[in-house]
Amino acid sequence: MFVEVPEDGKKLAKGDDAAVVESVKAASDVYSPVSGTVVEGNAALADDPALVNSDPEGEGWFYKITLSDPSELEALMNESAYEAFVAKL
């Protein structure tokens, strides 16, 4: 129903609330997996929030960020580790 993305220039620390996804039944926060400064929020989500589900790896992205600590990337899962994690849920 609604997606709120961070404004350009917003500074985020790893774990900060970065975006909000609101559906008919609930609202959920999206947390930043890394620290940095937002360079662009996806304005297309304001008009078509369903992109988050229909094209999450394409047009459904939330924001772009310039990293302040690139070493934080080392703690993130790769695609196969994430798929295995989700399969266990």
C-alpha atoms as a PDB file:
ATOM      1  CA  MET A   1       0.000   0.000   0.000  1.00  0.00           C
ATOM      2  CA  PHE A   2       2.795   2.439   0.914  1.00  0.00           C
ATOM      3  CA  VAL A   3       6.608   2.582   0.978  1.00  0.00           C
ATOM      4  CA  GLU A   4       8.601   5.390   2.572  1.00  0.00           C
ATOM      5  CA  VAL A   5      12.258   5.579   1.540  1.00  0.00           C
ATOM      6  CA  PRO A   6      14.986   7.695   3.161  1.00  0.00           C
ATOM      7  CA  GLU A   7      15.771  11.179   1.870  1.00  0.00           C
ATOM      8  CA  ASP A   8      18.913  11.883  -0.128  1.00  0.00           C
ATOM      9  CA  GLY A   9      21.747  12.867   2.186  1.00  0.00           C
ATOM     10  CA  LYS A  10      20.406  10.998   5.221  1.00  0.00           C
ATOM     11  CA  LYS A  11      23.173   9.362   7.220  1.00  0.00           C
ATOM     12  CA  LEU A  12      22.469   5.817   8.355  1.00  0.00           C
ATOM     13  CA  ALA A  13      24.326   3.603  10.793  1.00  0.00           C
ATOM     14  CA  LYS A  14      24.207  -0.165  10.425  1.00  0.00           C
ATOM     15  CA  GLY A  15      20.894  -1.309  11.952  1.00  0.00           C
ATOM     16  CA  ASP A  16      19.135   2.084  11.728  1.00  0.00           C
ATOM     17  CA  ASP A  17      15.545   2.320  10.499  1.00  0.00           C
ATOM     18  CA  ALA A  18      16.008   3.182   6.835  1.00  0.00           C
ATOM     19  CA  ALA A  19      12.579   2.723   5.231  1.00  0.00           C
ATOM     20  CA  VAL A  20       8.993   1.750   6.059  1.00  0.00           C
ATOM     21  CA  VAL A  21       6.747  -0.695   4.212  1.00  0.00           C
ATOM     22  CA  GLU A  22       3.054  -0.471   5.035  1.00  0.00           C
ATOM     23  CA  SER A  23       0.504  -3.050   3.933  1.00  0.00           C
ATOM     24  CA  VAL A  24      -3.174  -3.529   4.658  1.00  0.00           C
ATOM     25  CA  LYS A  25      -2.370  -5.596   7.750  1.00  0.00           C
ATOM     26  CA  ALA A  26       0.914  -4.182   9.092  1.00  0.00           C
ATOM     27  CA  ALA A  27       3.745  -1.694   8.880  1.00  0.00           C
ATOM     28  CA  SER A  28       7.346  -2.910   8.897  1.00  0.00           C
ATOM     29  CA  ASP A  29      10.638  -1.116   9.244  1.00  0.00           C
ATOM     30  CA  VAL A  30      13.490  -1.823   6.849  1.00  0.00           C
ATOM     31  CA  TYR A  31      16.849  -1.673   8.607  1.00  0.00           C
ATOM     32  CA  SER A  32      20.073  -0.562   6.988  1.00  0.00           C
ATOM     33  CA  PRO A  33      22.492  -3.488   6.629  1.00  0.00           C
ATOM     34  CA  VAL A  34      25.459  -1.080   6.410  1.00  0.00           C
ATOM     35  CA  SER A  35      26.467   2.448   7.437  1.00  0.00           C
ATOM     36  CA  GLY A  36      26.686   5.350   5.035  1.00  0.00           C
ATOM     37  CA  THR A  37      24.936   8.268   3.362  1.00  0.00           C
ATOM     38  CA  VAL A  38      21.850   7.852   1.182  1.00  0.00           C
ATOM     39  CA  VAL A  39      22.522   9.124  -2.341  1.00  0.00           C
ATOM     40  CA  GLU A  40      19.111   8.235  -3.776  1.00  0.00           C
ATOM     41  CA  GLY A  41      15.772   6.921  -2.561  1.00  0.00           C
ATOM     42  CA  ASN A  42      13.624   5.049  -5.081  1.00  0.00           C
ATOM     43  CA  ALA A  43      10.884   7.575  -5.902  1.00  0.00           C
ATOM     44  CA  ALA A  44       9.121   4.978  -8.080  1.00  0.00           C
ATOM     45  CA  LEU A  45       7.962   3.161  -4.936  1.00  0.00           C
ATOM     46  CA  ALA A  46       5.700   6.085  -4.025  1.00  0.00           C
ATOM     47  CA  ASP A  47       3.627   5.430  -7.159  1.00  0.00           C
ATOM     48  CA  ASP A  48       4.018   1.649  -7.269  1.00  0.00           C
ATOM     49  CA  PRO A  49       4.919   0.149  -3.866  1.00  0.00           C
ATOM     50  CA  ALA A  50       4.166  -3.345  -5.219  1.00  0.00           C
ATOM     51  CA  LEU A  51       7.546  -3.208  -6.996  1.00  0.00           C
ATOM     52  CA  VAL A  52       9.106  -4.260  -3.678  1.00  0.00           C
ATOM     53  CA  ASN A  53       7.475  -7.680  -4.131  1.00  0.00           C
ATOM     54  CA  SER A  54       7.145  -7.960  -7.905  1.00  0.00           C
ATOM     55  CA  ASP A  55      10.694  -6.855  -8.821  1.00  0.00           C
ATOM     56  CA  PRO A  56      12.849  -6.745  -5.650  1.00  0.00           C
ATOM     57  CA  GLU A  57      16.126  -7.269  -7.495  1.00  0.00           C
ATOM     58  CA  GLY A  58      15.243  -4.816 -10.272  1.00  0.00           C
ATOM     59  CA  GLU A  59      12.975  -1.782 -10.024  1.00  0.00           C
ATOM     60  CA  GLY A  60      11.908  -2.529  -6.417  1.00  0.00           C
ATOM     61  CA  TRP A  61      15.081  -1.325  -4.695  1.00  0.00           C
ATOM     62  CA  PHE A  62      14.711   0.994  -1.662  1.00  0.00           C
ATOM     63  CA  TYR A  63      17.755   3.273  -1.705  1.00  0.00           C
ATOM     64  CA  LYS A  64      21.354   3.645  -2.825  1.00  0.00           C
ATOM     65  CA  ILE A  65      24.019   4.386  -0.244  1.00  0.00           C
ATOM     66  CA  THR A  66      27.645   5.484  -0.188  1.00  0.00           C
ATOM     67  CA  LEU A  67      29.391   3.259   2.339  1.00  0.00           C
ATOM     68  CA  SER A  68      31.168   4.840   5.277  1.00  0.00           C
ATOM     69  CA  ASP A  69      32.693   1.505   6.369  1.00  0.00           C
ATOM     70  CA  PRO A  70      33.121  -0.942   3.454  1.00  0.00           C
ATOM     71  CA  SER A  71      34.323  -3.653   5.850  1.00  0.00           C
ATOM     72  CA  GLU A  72      30.684  -4.045   7.012  1.00  0.00           C
ATOM     73  CA  LEU A  73      29.989  -5.817   3.716  1.00  0.00           C
ATOM     74  CA  GLU A  74      32.042  -8.780   4.914  1.00  0.00           C
ATOM     75  CA  ALA A  75      29.383  -9.622   7.519  1.00  0.00           C
ATOM     76  CA  LEU A  76      26.546  -9.816   4.950  1.00  0.00           C
ATOM     77  CA  MET A  77      25.279 -13.072   3.461  1.00  0.00           C
ATOM     78  CA  ASN A  78      25.801 -13.870  -0.208  1.00  0.00           C
ATOM     79  CA  GLU A  79      22.831 -14.968  -2.312  1.00  0.00           C
ATOM     80  CA  SER A  80      23.181 -18.709  -1.656  1.00  0.00           C
ATOM     81  CA  ALA A  81      23.597 -18.218   2.115  1.00  0.00           C
ATOM     82  CA  TYR A  82      20.517 -15.987   2.150  1.00  0.00           C
ATOM     83  CA  GLU A  83      18.459 -18.528   0.189  1.00  0.00           C
ATOM     84  CA  ALA A  84      19.487 -21.258   2.680  1.00  0.00           C
ATOM     85  CA  PHE A  85      18.570 -18.968   5.602  1.00  0.00           C
ATOM     86  CA  VAL A  86      15.136 -18.182   4.148  1.00  0.00           C
ATOM     87  CA  ALA A  87      14.473 -21.855   3.393  1.00  0.00           C
ATOM     88  CA  LYS A  88      14.812 -22.601   7.113  1.00  0.00           C
ATOM     89  CA  LEU A  89      12.196 -20.019   8.148  1.00  0.00           C
END
